[in-house]
Amino acid sequence: VLVGDRHKLHGVIASKAIHLQTPEERTKATPLSKMYIDIGAKDAEDAKKYGASTMFTASQVTELQTNLAKLGFTMGEIKNSTKAVLDLSAATGYDLGESAAIAGAALRSFGLNATEMERVASVLSVGTTKSALSFEKLATALPVVQTAAAKTGFTIEDTVAMLGKLTDNGINAASAATQLRKILNDSTTAGTKLANALGGPVKSFDELVVALGKASKAGQT
């Protein structure tokens, strides 16, 4: 899918037809610079009518898909994820390949299916517009805390929201992620000082909010 000036266009990554290639060209892998996205237009003027001016090149889309493949995504999963990642990069202005790596890792860490990539992309995009958490800061913080968050039953929505609150209070992204990871580990582990102060280990974001409120009123935190 191409993100065009006026709308989105479906296309395929293509290269020079094999019957038009020289014998030497046929023995080598096609370089990214020689690839393009075929939208089915008969010529340049026809493409312009479709609004095919796009911020993404074939090599960028290939990098997106390569980064997802590195995370173990199957071809089907990559297909299900590509549009959402394109939209995420277009909305945030963040590098397409890096957007794929971050969103893909988050999807995997929280145990979500590739069909939920749109949900992941939406959370990441919205999370950077409703707090002081820029996408660059989120890219630094989320990988630090997402495994601990998922392990303790927190959703990606809960995790991004908590990172946003911490950065809203002037805590830099790296420190926010490290502190949140410690809070999650300590609040969900029986016998820790924090868990004892909360009245026992918690199992969800909602439980943590309630327990912190009670402990605060009791003067324990």
C-alpha atoms as a PDB file:
ATOM      1  CA  VAL A   1       0.000   0.000   0.000  1.00  0.00           C
ATOM      2  CA  LEU A   2       1.334   3.433  -0.983  1.00  0.00           C
ATOM      3  CA  VAL A   3       0.441   6.432   1.159  1.00  0.00           C
ATOM      4  CA  GLY A   4      -0.280   8.991  -1.553  1.00  0.00           C
ATOM      5  CA  ASP A   5      -1.121  12.671  -1.574  1.00  0.00           C
ATOM      6  CA  ARG A   6      -4.858  12.082  -1.746  1.00  0.00           C
ATOM      7  CA  HIS A   7      -5.449   8.463  -0.804  1.00  0.00           C
ATOM      8  CA  LYS A   8      -3.868   5.031  -0.500  1.00  0.00           C
ATOM      9  CA  LEU A   9      -2.920   2.861  -3.467  1.00  0.00           C
ATOM     10  CA  HIS A  10      -2.316  -0.855  -3.657  1.00  0.00           C
ATOM     11  CA  GLY A  11       0.769  -1.989  -5.535  1.00  0.00           C
ATOM     12  CA  VAL A  12       3.478  -4.633  -5.670  1.00  0.00           C
ATOM     13  CA  ILE A  13       7.242  -4.341  -5.326  1.00  0.00           C
ATOM     14  CA  ALA A  14       8.629  -5.127  -8.769  1.00  0.00           C
ATOM     15  CA  SER A  15      11.708  -4.881 -10.971  1.00  0.00           C
ATOM     16  CA  LYS A  16      12.683  -5.147 -14.627  1.00  0.00           C
ATOM     17  CA  ALA A  17      10.887  -8.070 -16.294  1.00  0.00           C
ATOM     18  CA  ILE A  18      13.126 -11.132 -16.594  1.00  0.00           C
ATOM     19  CA  HIS A  19      12.629 -11.390 -20.360  1.00  0.00           C
ATOM     20  CA  LEU A  20      14.040  -7.868 -20.694  1.00  0.00           C
ATOM     21  CA  GLN A  21      17.082  -8.543 -18.520  1.00  0.00           C
ATOM     22  CA  THR A  22      20.539  -9.254 -19.918  1.00  0.00           C
ATOM     23  CA  PRO A  23      22.117 -12.663 -19.178  1.00  0.00           C
ATOM     24  CA  GLU A  24      24.362 -10.972 -16.612  1.00  0.00           C
ATOM     25  CA  GLU A  25      21.423  -9.272 -14.862  1.00  0.00           C
ATOM     26  CA  ARG A  26      19.631 -12.604 -14.548  1.00  0.00           C
ATOM     27  CA  THR A  27      22.495 -14.075 -12.505  1.00  0.00           C
ATOM     28  CA  LYS A  28      22.439 -11.344  -9.848  1.00  0.00           C
ATOM     29  CA  ALA A  29      19.979 -10.223  -7.191  1.00  0.00           C
ATOM     30  CA  THR A  30      18.183  -7.034  -8.179  1.00  0.00           C
ATOM     31  CA  PRO A  31      19.551  -4.071  -6.173  1.00  0.00           C
ATOM     32  CA  LEU A  32      16.992  -2.020  -4.236  1.00  0.00           C
ATOM     33  CA  SER A  33      17.807   1.036  -6.343  1.00  0.00           C
ATOM     34  CA  LYS A  34      16.492  -0.833  -9.392  1.00  0.00           C
ATOM     35  CA  MET A  35      13.196  -1.815  -7.761  1.00  0.00           C
ATOM     36  CA  TYR A  36       9.940   0.108  -7.832  1.00  0.00           C
ATOM     37  CA  ILE A  37       6.304  -0.173  -6.780  1.00  0.00           C
ATOM     38  CA  ASP A  38       3.942  -1.124  -9.602  1.00  0.00           C
ATOM     39  CA  ILE A  39       0.449   0.345  -9.145  1.00  0.00           C
ATOM     40  CA  GLY A  40      -0.788  -0.729 -12.549  1.00  0.00           C
ATOM     41  CA  ALA A  41      -0.513   2.691 -14.207  1.00  0.00           C
ATOM     42  CA  LYS A  42       0.262   2.725 -17.947  1.00  0.00           C
ATOM     43  CA  ASP A  43       2.586   5.742 -17.721  1.00  0.00           C
ATOM     44  CA  ALA A  44       3.755   8.594 -15.468  1.00  0.00           C
ATOM     45  CA  GLU A  45       0.754  10.782 -16.297  1.00  0.00           C
ATOM     46  CA  ASP A  46      -1.620   7.954 -15.437  1.00  0.00           C
ATOM     47  CA  ALA A  47       0.173   7.467 -12.102  1.00  0.00           C
ATOM     48  CA  LYS A  48      -0.179  11.166 -11.307  1.00  0.00           C
ATOM     49  CA  LYS A  49      -3.934  10.893 -11.833  1.00  0.00           C
ATOM     50  CA  TYR A  50      -3.973   8.259  -9.086  1.00  0.00           C
ATOM     51  CA  GLY A  51      -2.142  10.631  -6.747  1.00  0.00           C
ATOM     52  CA  ALA A  52       0.836   8.288  -6.609  1.00  0.00           C
ATOM     53  CA  SER A  53       3.330  10.758  -5.152  1.00  0.00           C
ATOM     54  CA  THR A  54       4.447   8.976  -1.979  1.00  0.00           C
ATOM     55  CA  MET A  55       6.852   9.482   0.884  1.00  0.00           C
ATOM     56  CA  PHE A  56       7.910   5.822   0.780  1.00  0.00           C
ATOM     57  CA  THR A  57      10.257   4.265  -1.749  1.00  0.00           C
ATOM     58  CA  ALA A  58      10.443   0.599  -2.692  1.00  0.00           C
ATOM     59  CA  SER A  59      13.658   0.250  -0.699  1.00  0.00           C
ATOM     60  CA  GLN A  60      11.990   1.707   2.400  1.00  0.00           C
ATOM     61  CA  VAL A  61       9.070  -0.710   2.125  1.00  0.00           C
ATOM     62  CA  THR A  62      11.558  -3.537   1.669  1.00  0.00           C
ATOM     63  CA  GLU A  63      13.373  -2.423   4.829  1.00  0.00           C
ATOM     64  CA  LEU A  64      10.058  -2.442   6.704  1.00  0.00           C
ATOM     65  CA  GLN A  65       9.345  -5.990   5.617  1.00  0.00           C
ATOM     66  CA  THR A  66      12.932  -7.120   6.233  1.00  0.00           C
ATOM     67  CA  ASN A  67      12.836  -5.822   9.803  1.00  0.00           C
ATOM     68  CA  LEU A  68       9.604  -7.702  10.460  1.00  0.00           C
ATOM     69  CA  ALA A  69      11.135 -10.839   8.959  1.00  0.00           C
ATOM     70  CA  LYS A  70      14.086 -10.493  11.341  1.00  0.00           C
ATOM     71  CA  LEU A  71      11.583 -10.688  14.206  1.00  0.00           C
ATOM     72  CA  GLY A  72      10.340 -14.012  12.862  1.00  0.00           C
ATOM     73  CA  PHE A  73       7.253 -12.725  11.054  1.00  0.00           C
ATOM     74  CA  THR A  74       5.960 -15.036   8.343  1.00  0.00           C
ATOM     75  CA  MET A  75       5.030 -13.724   4.895  1.00  0.00           C
ATOM     76  CA  GLY A  76       1.378 -13.737   5.930  1.00  0.00           C
ATOM     77  CA  GLU A  77       2.136 -11.813   9.117  1.00  0.00           C
ATOM     78  CA  ILE A  78       4.221  -9.284   7.193  1.00  0.00           C
ATOM     79  CA  LYS A  79       1.343  -8.776   4.782  1.00  0.00           C
ATOM     80  CA  ASN A  80      -1.071  -8.232   7.678  1.00  0.00           C
ATOM     81  CA  SER A  81       1.289  -5.758   9.340  1.00  0.00           C
ATOM     82  CA  THR A  82       2.616  -3.646   6.466  1.00  0.00           C
ATOM     83  CA  LYS A  83      -0.288  -1.204   6.063  1.00  0.00           C
ATOM     84  CA  ALA A  84      -0.436  -0.414   9.788  1.00  0.00           C
ATOM     85  CA  VAL A  85       3.308   0.251   9.940  1.00  0.00           C
ATOM     86  CA  LEU A  86       3.127   2.481   6.863  1.00  0.00           C
ATOM     87  CA  ASP A  87       0.358   4.470   8.536  1.00  0.00           C
ATOM     88  CA  LEU A  88       2.355   4.669  11.775  1.00  0.00           C
ATOM     89  CA  SER A  89       5.428   6.036  10.019  1.00  0.00           C
ATOM     90  CA  ALA A  90       3.351   8.493   7.995  1.00  0.00           C
ATOM     91  CA  ALA A  91       1.585   9.760  11.136  1.00  0.00           C
ATOM     92  CA  THR A  92       4.682  10.131  13.298  1.00  0.00           C
ATOM     93  CA  GLY A  93       7.260  11.027  10.656  1.00  0.00           C
ATOM     94  CA  TYR A  94       9.558   8.374  12.122  1.00  0.00           C
ATOM     95  CA  ASP A  95      11.800   6.197   9.945  1.00  0.00           C
ATOM     96  CA  LEU A  96       9.778   3.432   8.277  1.00  0.00           C
ATOM     97  CA  GLY A  97      12.240   0.621   8.973  1.00  0.00           C
ATOM     98  CA  GLU A  98      12.641   1.650  12.615  1.00  0.00           C
ATOM     99  CA  SER A  99       8.872   1.963  12.988  1.00  0.00           C
ATOM    100  CA  ALA A 100       8.548  -1.620  11.801  1.00  0.00           C
ATOM    101  CA  ALA A 101      11.198  -2.833  14.248  1.00  0.00           C
ATOM    102  CA  ILE A 102       9.579  -1.059  17.216  1.00  0.00           C
ATOM    103  CA  ALA A 103       5.992  -1.992  16.388  1.00  0.00           C
ATOM    104  CA  GLY A 104       6.962  -5.558  15.518  1.00  0.00           C
ATOM    105  CA  ALA A 105       8.888  -6.077  18.752  1.00  0.00           C
ATOM    106  CA  ALA A 106       5.999  -4.617  20.762  1.00  0.00           C
ATOM    107  CA  LEU A 107       3.508  -6.909  19.027  1.00  0.00           C
ATOM    108  CA  ARG A 108       5.679  -9.930  19.828  1.00  0.00           C
ATOM    109  CA  SER A 109       6.402  -8.876  23.434  1.00  0.00           C
ATOM    110  CA  PHE A 110       2.732  -8.455  24.281  1.00  0.00           C
ATOM    111  CA  GLY A 111       1.842 -11.766  22.635  1.00  0.00           C
ATOM    112  CA  LEU A 112      -0.444 -10.260  20.026  1.00  0.00           C
ATOM    113  CA  ASN A 113      -1.392 -11.641  16.616  1.00  0.00           C
ATOM    114  CA  ALA A 114      -0.168  -9.847  13.486  1.00  0.00           C
ATOM    115  CA  THR A 115      -3.798  -9.013  12.695  1.00  0.00           C
ATOM    116  CA  GLU A 116      -3.610  -6.658  15.700  1.00  0.00           C
ATOM    117  CA  MET A 117      -0.770  -4.575  14.279  1.00  0.00           C
ATOM    118  CA  GLU A 118      -3.244  -1.778  13.583  1.00  0.00           C
ATOM    119  CA  ARG A 119      -4.028  -1.713  17.302  1.00  0.00           C
ATOM    120  CA  VAL A 120      -0.335  -1.563  18.183  1.00  0.00           C
ATOM    121  CA  ALA A 121       0.360   1.184  15.648  1.00  0.00           C
ATOM    122  CA  SER A 122      -2.612   3.183  16.897  1.00  0.00           C
ATOM    123  CA  VAL A 123      -1.481   2.942  20.526  1.00  0.00           C
ATOM    124  CA  LEU A 124       2.052   4.024  19.649  1.00  0.00           C
ATOM    125  CA  SER A 125       0.848   6.903  17.505  1.00  0.00           C
ATOM    126  CA  VAL A 126      -1.822   8.197  19.893  1.00  0.00           C
ATOM    127  CA  GLY A 127       0.484   7.779  22.889  1.00  0.00           C
ATOM    128  CA  THR A 128       2.870  10.321  21.417  1.00  0.00           C
ATOM    129  CA  THR A 129       0.163  12.916  20.820  1.00  0.00           C
ATOM    130  CA  LYS A 130      -1.442  12.838  24.269  1.00  0.00           C
ATOM    131  CA  SER A 131       1.700  13.204  26.379  1.00  0.00           C
ATOM    132  CA  ALA A 132       5.249  14.573  26.386  1.00  0.00           C
ATOM    133  CA  LEU A 133       6.314  11.195  25.015  1.00  0.00           C
ATOM    134  CA  SER A 134       7.606  11.739  21.472  1.00  0.00           C
ATOM    135  CA  PHE A 135       7.930   8.726  19.195  1.00  0.00           C
ATOM    136  CA  GLU A 136      11.699   8.939  19.492  1.00  0.00           C
ATOM    137  CA  LYS A 137      11.405   8.807  23.298  1.00  0.00           C
ATOM    138  CA  LEU A 138       8.923   5.945  23.043  1.00  0.00           C
ATOM    139  CA  ALA A 139      11.358   4.082  20.797  1.00  0.00           C
ATOM    140  CA  THR A 140      13.917   4.362  23.603  1.00  0.00           C
ATOM    141  CA  ALA A 141      11.612   3.523  26.497  1.00  0.00           C
ATOM    142  CA  LEU A 142       9.226   0.818  25.281  1.00  0.00           C
ATOM    143  CA  PRO A 143      11.824  -1.893  24.500  1.00  0.00           C
ATOM    144  CA  VAL A 144      13.175  -1.538  28.059  1.00  0.00           C
ATOM    145  CA  VAL A 145       9.870  -2.171  29.786  1.00  0.00           C
ATOM    146  CA  GLN A 146       7.602  -4.086  27.399  1.00  0.00           C
ATOM    147  CA  THR A 147       8.755  -7.604  28.339  1.00  0.00           C
ATOM    148  CA  ALA A 148       8.285  -6.961  32.065  1.00  0.00           C
ATOM    149  CA  ALA A 149       4.923  -5.316  31.409  1.00  0.00           C
ATOM    150  CA  ALA A 150       3.631  -8.183  29.314  1.00  0.00           C
ATOM    151  CA  LYS A 151       4.927 -10.766  31.783  1.00  0.00           C
ATOM    152  CA  THR A 152       2.997  -9.133  34.609  1.00  0.00           C
ATOM    153  CA  GLY A 153      -0.253  -8.909  32.638  1.00  0.00           C
ATOM    154  CA  PHE A 154      -0.178  -5.264  31.575  1.00  0.00           C
ATOM    155  CA  THR A 155      -1.473  -4.350  28.121  1.00  0.00           C
ATOM    156  CA  ILE A 156       0.390  -2.243  25.593  1.00  0.00           C
ATOM    157  CA  GLU A 157      -2.190   0.494  26.209  1.00  0.00           C
ATOM    158  CA  ASP A 158      -1.447   0.473  29.968  1.00  0.00           C
ATOM    159  CA  THR A 159       2.306   0.491  29.407  1.00  0.00           C
ATOM    160  CA  VAL A 160       2.381   3.381  26.933  1.00  0.00           C
ATOM    161  CA  ALA A 161      -0.006   5.369  29.144  1.00  0.00           C
ATOM    162  CA  MET A 162       2.250   4.905  32.189  1.00  0.00           C
ATOM    163  CA  LEU A 163       5.351   5.919  30.219  1.00  0.00           C
ATOM    164  CA  GLY A 164       3.459   9.003  29.097  1.00  0.00           C
ATOM    165  CA  LYS A 165       2.577   9.960  32.675  1.00  0.00           C
ATOM    166  CA  LEU A 166       6.182   9.601  33.793  1.00  0.00           C
ATOM    167  CA  THR A 167       7.512  11.751  30.961  1.00  0.00           C
ATOM    168  CA  ASP A 168       4.774  14.317  31.626  1.00  0.00           C
ATOM    169  CA  ASN A 169       6.343  14.676  35.079  1.00  0.00           C
ATOM    170  CA  GLY A 170       9.710  15.565  33.575  1.00  0.00           C
ATOM    171  CA  ILE A 171      11.366  12.147  33.770  1.00  0.00           C
ATOM    172  CA  ASN A 172      13.460  11.335  30.698  1.00  0.00           C
ATOM    173  CA  ALA A 173      12.454   8.333  28.603  1.00  0.00           C
ATOM    174  CA  ALA A 174      15.285   5.994  29.618  1.00  0.00           C
ATOM    175  CA  SER A 175      14.812   6.688  33.335  1.00  0.00           C
ATOM    176  CA  ALA A 176      11.025   6.408  33.018  1.00  0.00           C
ATOM    177  CA  ALA A 177      11.333   2.986  31.426  1.00  0.00           C
ATOM    178  CA  THR A 178      13.837   1.748  34.011  1.00  0.00           C
ATOM    179  CA  GLN A 179      11.716   3.015  36.916  1.00  0.00           C
ATOM    180  CA  LEU A 180       8.531   1.574  35.470  1.00  0.00           C
ATOM    181  CA  ARG A 181      10.182  -1.805  34.917  1.00  0.00           C
ATOM    182  CA  LYS A 182      11.278  -1.862  38.566  1.00  0.00           C
ATOM    183  CA  ILE A 183       7.813  -0.840  39.750  1.00  0.00           C
ATOM    184  CA  LEU A 184       6.216  -3.588  37.682  1.00  0.00           C
ATOM    185  CA  ASN A 185       8.649  -6.241  38.862  1.00  0.00           C
ATOM    186  CA  ASP A 186       8.433  -5.217  42.537  1.00  0.00           C
ATOM    187  CA  SER A 187       4.664  -4.657  42.633  1.00  0.00           C
ATOM    188  CA  THR A 188       3.929  -8.081  41.168  1.00  0.00           C
ATOM    189  CA  THR A 189       6.459 -10.056  43.217  1.00  0.00           C
ATOM    190  CA  ALA A 190       5.419 -11.310  46.650  1.00  0.00           C
ATOM    191  CA  GLY A 191       7.690 -10.303  49.516  1.00  0.00           C
ATOM    192  CA  THR A 192       9.139  -7.130  47.979  1.00  0.00           C
ATOM    193  CA  LYS A 193       8.918  -3.881  49.935  1.00  0.00           C
ATOM    194  CA  LEU A 194       6.566  -2.351  47.362  1.00  0.00           C
ATOM    195  CA  ALA A 195       4.284  -5.390  47.183  1.00  0.00           C
ATOM    196  CA  ASN A 196       4.025  -5.451  50.973  1.00  0.00           C
ATOM    197  CA  ALA A 197       3.200  -1.730  51.027  1.00  0.00           C
ATOM    198  CA  LEU A 198       0.470  -2.357  48.450  1.00  0.00           C
ATOM    199  CA  GLY A 199      -1.037  -5.129  50.565  1.00  0.00           C
ATOM    200  CA  GLY A 200       0.277  -7.897  48.316  1.00  0.00           C
ATOM    201  CA  PRO A 201       1.334  -8.411  44.705  1.00  0.00           C
ATOM    202  CA  VAL A 202      -0.925  -6.944  41.999  1.00  0.00           C
ATOM    203  CA  LYS A 203      -1.859  -8.622  38.736  1.00  0.00           C
ATOM    204  CA  SER A 204      -3.044  -5.808  36.483  1.00  0.00           C
ATOM    205  CA  PHE A 205      -2.780  -2.099  35.769  1.00  0.00           C
ATOM    206  CA  ASP A 206      -6.168  -1.441  37.391  1.00  0.00           C
ATOM    207  CA  GLU A 207      -5.130  -3.313  40.535  1.00  0.00           C
ATOM    208  CA  LEU A 208      -1.896  -1.322  40.678  1.00  0.00           C
ATOM    209  CA  VAL A 209      -3.742   2.013  40.427  1.00  0.00           C
ATOM    210  CA  VAL A 210      -6.163   1.043  43.195  1.00  0.00           C
ATOM    211  CA  ALA A 211      -3.410  -0.340  45.432  1.00  0.00           C
ATOM    212  CA  LEU A 212      -1.220   2.742  44.967  1.00  0.00           C
ATOM    213  CA  GLY A 213      -4.178   4.959  45.858  1.00  0.00           C
ATOM    214  CA  LYS A 214      -4.883   3.027  49.059  1.00  0.00           C
ATOM    215  CA  ALA A 215      -1.224   2.936  50.039  1.00  0.00           C
ATOM    216  CA  SER A 216      -0.862   6.667  49.394  1.00  0.00           C
ATOM    217  CA  LYS A 217      -3.832   7.479  51.634  1.00  0.00           C
ATOM    218  CA  ALA A 218      -2.363   5.244  54.335  1.00  0.00           C
ATOM    219  CA  GLY A 219       0.980   7.042  54.034  1.00  0.00           C
ATOM    220  CA  GLN A 220       2.845   3.908  52.945  1.00  0.00           C
ATOM    221  CA  THR A 221       4.191   5.211  49.582  1.00  0.00           C
END
